[in-house]
Amino acid sequence: MPLSDAKDLQRFFNSRAREVQVDKQSRILIPQTLRDFAGLKKDIVIIGASVRAEIWDRERWEKLNDEMTAADAQALLKKMGF
């Protein structure tokens, strides 16, 4: 991916970040606009992804994991030059 495209995508996603408050039980409320954008419904999964955390709708996460095979991962690694 050209660097300019990567920067455009980074700006797009980062510009949607929102500051949220932590309640007395150490919970945060994800704003509705971000829940809609991420397709979050009822149950979520928080995963560690290198140096960041990702929040996924549980159904979407499980579907992604069910569909991903070792061959898919190898093809992605090859595409990335590994």
C-alpha atoms as a PDB file:
ATOM      1  CA  MET A   1       0.000   0.000   0.000  1.00  0.00           C
ATOM      2  CA  PRO A   2       1.424   3.399  -0.893  1.00  0.00           C
ATOM      3  CA  LEU A   3       2.437   5.470   2.132  1.00  0.00           C
ATOM      4  CA  SER A   4      -0.020   8.242   1.179  1.00  0.00           C
ATOM      5  CA  ASP A   5      -2.909   5.739   1.209  1.00  0.00           C
ATOM      6  CA  ALA A   6      -1.804   4.366   4.578  1.00  0.00           C
ATOM      7  CA  LYS A   7      -1.686   7.879   6.021  1.00  0.00           C
ATOM      8  CA  ASP A   8      -5.149   8.661   4.622  1.00  0.00           C
ATOM      9  CA  LEU A   9      -6.561   5.547   6.281  1.00  0.00           C
ATOM     10  CA  GLN A  10      -4.818   6.376   9.539  1.00  0.00           C
ATOM     11  CA  ARG A  11      -6.297   9.881   9.514  1.00  0.00           C
ATOM     12  CA  PHE A  12      -9.753   8.516   8.723  1.00  0.00           C
ATOM     13  CA  PHE A  13      -9.755   6.131  11.687  1.00  0.00           C
ATOM     14  CA  ASN A  14      -7.935   8.363  14.166  1.00  0.00           C
ATOM     15  CA  SER A  15     -10.214  11.331  13.471  1.00  0.00           C
ATOM     16  CA  ARG A  16     -13.118   9.306  14.840  1.00  0.00           C
ATOM     17  CA  ALA A  17     -11.505   8.769  18.239  1.00  0.00           C
ATOM     18  CA  ARG A  18     -13.495  10.120  21.164  1.00  0.00           C
ATOM     19  CA  GLU A  19     -12.630  10.922  24.756  1.00  0.00           C
ATOM     20  CA  VAL A  20     -14.787   8.927  27.172  1.00  0.00           C
ATOM     21  CA  GLN A  21     -15.282   8.928  30.921  1.00  0.00           C
ATOM     22  CA  VAL A  22     -14.689   5.968  33.222  1.00  0.00           C
ATOM     23  CA  ASP A  23     -17.513   5.289  35.664  1.00  0.00           C
ATOM     24  CA  LYS A  24     -17.181   4.256  39.333  1.00  0.00           C
ATOM     25  CA  GLN A  25     -16.997   0.593  38.312  1.00  0.00           C
ATOM     26  CA  SER A  26     -14.130   1.278  35.849  1.00  0.00           C
ATOM     27  CA  ARG A  27     -16.363   0.892  32.795  1.00  0.00           C
ATOM     28  CA  ILE A  28     -16.480   3.050  29.702  1.00  0.00           C
ATOM     29  CA  LEU A  29     -19.414   3.726  27.435  1.00  0.00           C
ATOM     30  CA  ILE A  30     -18.490   3.460  23.776  1.00  0.00           C
ATOM     31  CA  PRO A  31     -20.340   6.259  21.938  1.00  0.00           C
ATOM     32  CA  GLN A  32     -23.202   5.095  19.711  1.00  0.00           C
ATOM     33  CA  THR A  33     -21.529   6.451  16.560  1.00  0.00           C
ATOM     34  CA  LEU A  34     -18.484   4.258  17.198  1.00  0.00           C
ATOM     35  CA  ARG A  35     -20.640   1.223  18.080  1.00  0.00           C
ATOM     36  CA  ASP A  36     -22.512   1.686  14.801  1.00  0.00           C
ATOM     37  CA  PHE A  37     -19.281   2.137  12.824  1.00  0.00           C
ATOM     38  CA  ALA A  38     -17.740  -1.009  14.353  1.00  0.00           C
ATOM     39  CA  GLY A  39     -20.943  -3.037  14.055  1.00  0.00           C
ATOM     40  CA  LEU A  40     -21.038  -3.703  17.799  1.00  0.00           C
ATOM     41  CA  LYS A  41     -24.286  -5.277  18.945  1.00  0.00           C
ATOM     42  CA  LYS A  42     -24.590  -6.942  22.346  1.00  0.00           C
ATOM     43  CA  ASP A  43     -21.573  -9.116  23.169  1.00  0.00           C
ATOM     44  CA  ILE A  44     -18.081  -7.874  22.404  1.00  0.00           C
ATOM     45  CA  VAL A  45     -14.559  -9.275  22.476  1.00  0.00           C
ATOM     46  CA  ILE A  46     -11.471  -7.229  23.287  1.00  0.00           C
ATOM     47  CA  ILE A  47      -8.303  -8.609  21.738  1.00  0.00           C
ATOM     48  CA  GLY A  48      -4.661  -7.658  21.962  1.00  0.00           C
ATOM     49  CA  ALA A  49      -3.335  -6.778  18.511  1.00  0.00           C
ATOM     50  CA  SER A  50       0.377  -6.010  18.746  1.00  0.00           C
ATOM     51  CA  VAL A  51       0.593  -2.560  20.408  1.00  0.00           C
ATOM     52  CA  ARG A  52      -3.143  -1.856  20.500  1.00  0.00           C
ATOM     53  CA  ALA A  53      -6.419  -3.359  21.623  1.00  0.00           C
ATOM     54  CA  GLU A  54      -9.317  -4.017  19.254  1.00  0.00           C
ATOM     55  CA  ILE A  55     -12.997  -4.231  20.164  1.00  0.00           C
ATOM     56  CA  TRP A  56     -15.031  -6.642  18.035  1.00  0.00           C
ATOM     57  CA  ASP A  57     -18.629  -7.761  17.933  1.00  0.00           C
ATOM     58  CA  ARG A  58     -18.412 -11.355  19.244  1.00  0.00           C
ATOM     59  CA  GLU A  59     -20.297 -12.877  16.288  1.00  0.00           C
ATOM     60  CA  ARG A  60     -18.108 -11.082  13.725  1.00  0.00           C
ATOM     61  CA  TRP A  61     -14.930 -12.080  15.582  1.00  0.00           C
ATOM     62  CA  GLU A  62     -15.932 -15.735  15.792  1.00  0.00           C
ATOM     63  CA  LYS A  63     -16.911 -15.784  12.103  1.00  0.00           C
ATOM     64  CA  LEU A  64     -13.570 -14.243  11.120  1.00  0.00           C
ATOM     65  CA  ASN A  65     -11.676 -16.823  13.180  1.00  0.00           C
ATOM     66  CA  ASP A  66     -13.762 -19.707  11.830  1.00  0.00           C
ATOM     67  CA  GLU A  67     -13.079 -18.640   8.238  1.00  0.00           C
ATOM     68  CA  MET A  68      -9.333 -17.933   8.585  1.00  0.00           C
ATOM     69  CA  THR A  69      -7.131 -20.916   7.781  1.00  0.00           C
ATOM     70  CA  ALA A  70      -3.394 -21.507   8.087  1.00  0.00           C
ATOM     71  CA  ALA A  71      -3.214 -21.292   4.296  1.00  0.00           C
ATOM     72  CA  ASP A  72      -4.888 -17.866   4.416  1.00  0.00           C
ATOM     73  CA  ALA A  73      -2.348 -16.677   6.988  1.00  0.00           C
ATOM     74  CA  GLN A  74       0.530 -17.996   4.880  1.00  0.00           C
ATOM     75  CA  ALA A  75      -0.834 -16.221   1.792  1.00  0.00           C
ATOM     76  CA  LEU A  76      -1.054 -12.947   3.720  1.00  0.00           C
ATOM     77  CA  LEU A  77       2.505 -13.334   5.005  1.00  0.00           C
ATOM     78  CA  LYS A  78       3.734 -14.007   1.463  1.00  0.00           C
ATOM     79  CA  LYS A  79       1.844 -10.952   0.187  1.00  0.00           C
ATOM     80  CA  MET A  80       3.585  -8.870   2.878  1.00  0.00           C
ATOM     81  CA  GLY A  81       6.989 -10.162   1.810  1.00  0.00           C
ATOM     82  CA  PHE A  82       7.651 -12.659   4.620  1.00  0.00           C
END
